[in-house]
Protein backbone atom coordinates (compact mmCIF):
# COMPACT_ATOMS: atom_id res chain seq x y z
CA MET A 1 17.48 -130.99 -15.13
CA ALA A 2 21.54 -131.84 -16.62
CA MET A 3 23.43 -134.87 -17.40
CA ASN A 4 27.64 -135.17 -17.22
CA GLN A 5 29.31 -137.60 -20.07
CA ARG A 6 33.26 -138.13 -20.53
CA ASP A 7 31.67 -139.06 -24.48
CA ARG A 8 30.96 -135.68 -26.38
CA ASP A 9 29.34 -137.86 -28.93
CA VAL A 10 26.66 -139.18 -26.08
CA VAL A 11 26.16 -135.24 -25.52
CA GLU A 12 25.91 -134.29 -28.96
CA LYS A 13 23.59 -136.59 -29.94
CA LEU A 14 21.14 -135.76 -26.79
CA HIS A 15 21.26 -131.96 -27.23
CA SER A 16 20.19 -132.76 -31.12
CA LEU A 17 17.52 -134.86 -29.57
CA LEU A 18 15.66 -132.65 -27.24
CA GLY A 19 17.67 -129.52 -27.07
CA GLY A 20 19.18 -127.80 -24.16
CA SER A 21 22.49 -126.60 -23.74
CA VAL A 22 25.99 -128.36 -23.72
CA ASN A 23 28.88 -126.80 -21.64
CA GLY A 24 32.34 -128.14 -21.27
CA PRO A 25 34.76 -129.61 -21.59
CA TYR A 26 36.08 -129.19 -17.80
CA LYS A 27 38.66 -130.16 -16.60
CA PRO A 28 38.61 -133.24 -13.47
CA LYS A 29 38.94 -132.16 -10.06
CA LYS A 30 42.08 -132.39 -8.60
CA ASN A 31 40.97 -135.34 -6.22
CA HIS A 32 40.09 -137.19 -9.21
CA PRO A 33 43.49 -136.78 -11.22
CA GLY A 34 42.34 -140.01 -13.60
CA GLN A 35 39.39 -138.78 -14.84
CA GLY A 36 38.68 -137.54 -18.46
CA GLU A 37 37.04 -134.05 -19.14
CA MET A 38 33.80 -134.20 -18.25
CA ILE A 39 31.06 -132.64 -20.89
CA THR A 40 27.76 -131.40 -19.42
CA TRP A 41 24.28 -131.30 -20.95
CA GLY A 42 21.34 -129.57 -19.24
CA LEU A 43 17.97 -128.36 -19.42
CA TYR A 44 16.93 -125.53 -17.30
CA ARG A 45 13.37 -124.72 -17.97
CA LYS A 46 10.69 -126.11 -16.17
CA GLU A 47 8.66 -126.68 -19.13
CA ASN A 48 11.24 -128.57 -21.28
CA ALA A 49 12.07 -130.56 -18.19
CA LEU A 50 8.67 -131.80 -17.70
CA LYS A 51 8.59 -132.79 -21.82
CA VAL A 52 11.77 -134.78 -21.30
CA ILE A 53 10.47 -136.90 -18.42
CA LYS A 54 7.18 -137.63 -20.23
CA THR A 55 9.25 -138.84 -23.65
CA LEU A 56 11.55 -140.41 -21.50
CA TYR A 57 9.83 -141.83 -18.48
CA PRO A 58 8.78 -145.15 -20.46
CA LEU A 59 12.13 -146.63 -21.58
CA LEU A 60 13.79 -145.79 -17.98
CA GLY A 61 14.70 -148.86 -15.24
CA LYS A 62 12.49 -148.52 -11.98
CA ARG A 63 15.14 -146.39 -10.17
CA ARG A 64 15.11 -143.97 -13.02
CA GLN A 65 11.50 -143.54 -12.96
CA GLU A 66 11.05 -143.24 -9.60
CA GLN A 67 13.84 -140.16 -9.72
CA CYS A 68 11.37 -138.93 -12.63
CA GLN A 69 8.99 -139.10 -9.95
CA LYS A 70 10.89 -136.83 -7.55
CA VAL A 71 11.99 -134.16 -9.44
CA TRP A 72 8.24 -134.17 -10.71
CA LYS A 73 6.65 -134.11 -7.85
CA ASN A 74 8.78 -130.99 -6.95
CA LEU A 75 8.45 -129.01 -10.18
CA THR A 76 4.82 -128.95 -10.54
CA GLY A 77 3.69 -130.17 -6.83
CA VAL A 78 1.36 -133.21 -7.79
CA ASP A 79 2.80 -136.66 -8.12
CA TYR A 80 3.59 -137.73 -11.03
CA ALA A 81 0.91 -139.38 -13.71
CA GLN A 82 1.23 -141.43 -16.76
């Protein structure tokens, strides 16, 4: 599970709340010359990603909840149940 963001303070706040790792900044790709550097936050252990989904799920909009349901099923093999 990962998030890319241009605002370092947003990434650092997420990191302080949920743990994980912060990487970057990365320069924009050549085909996106006007964009700023990107910072990445990530959780790379299955157990941590599942905990984050459980924590954030009720706060998310419908579209993001659907994405979480897909991730949950991919990681566990079962449907997400609240």
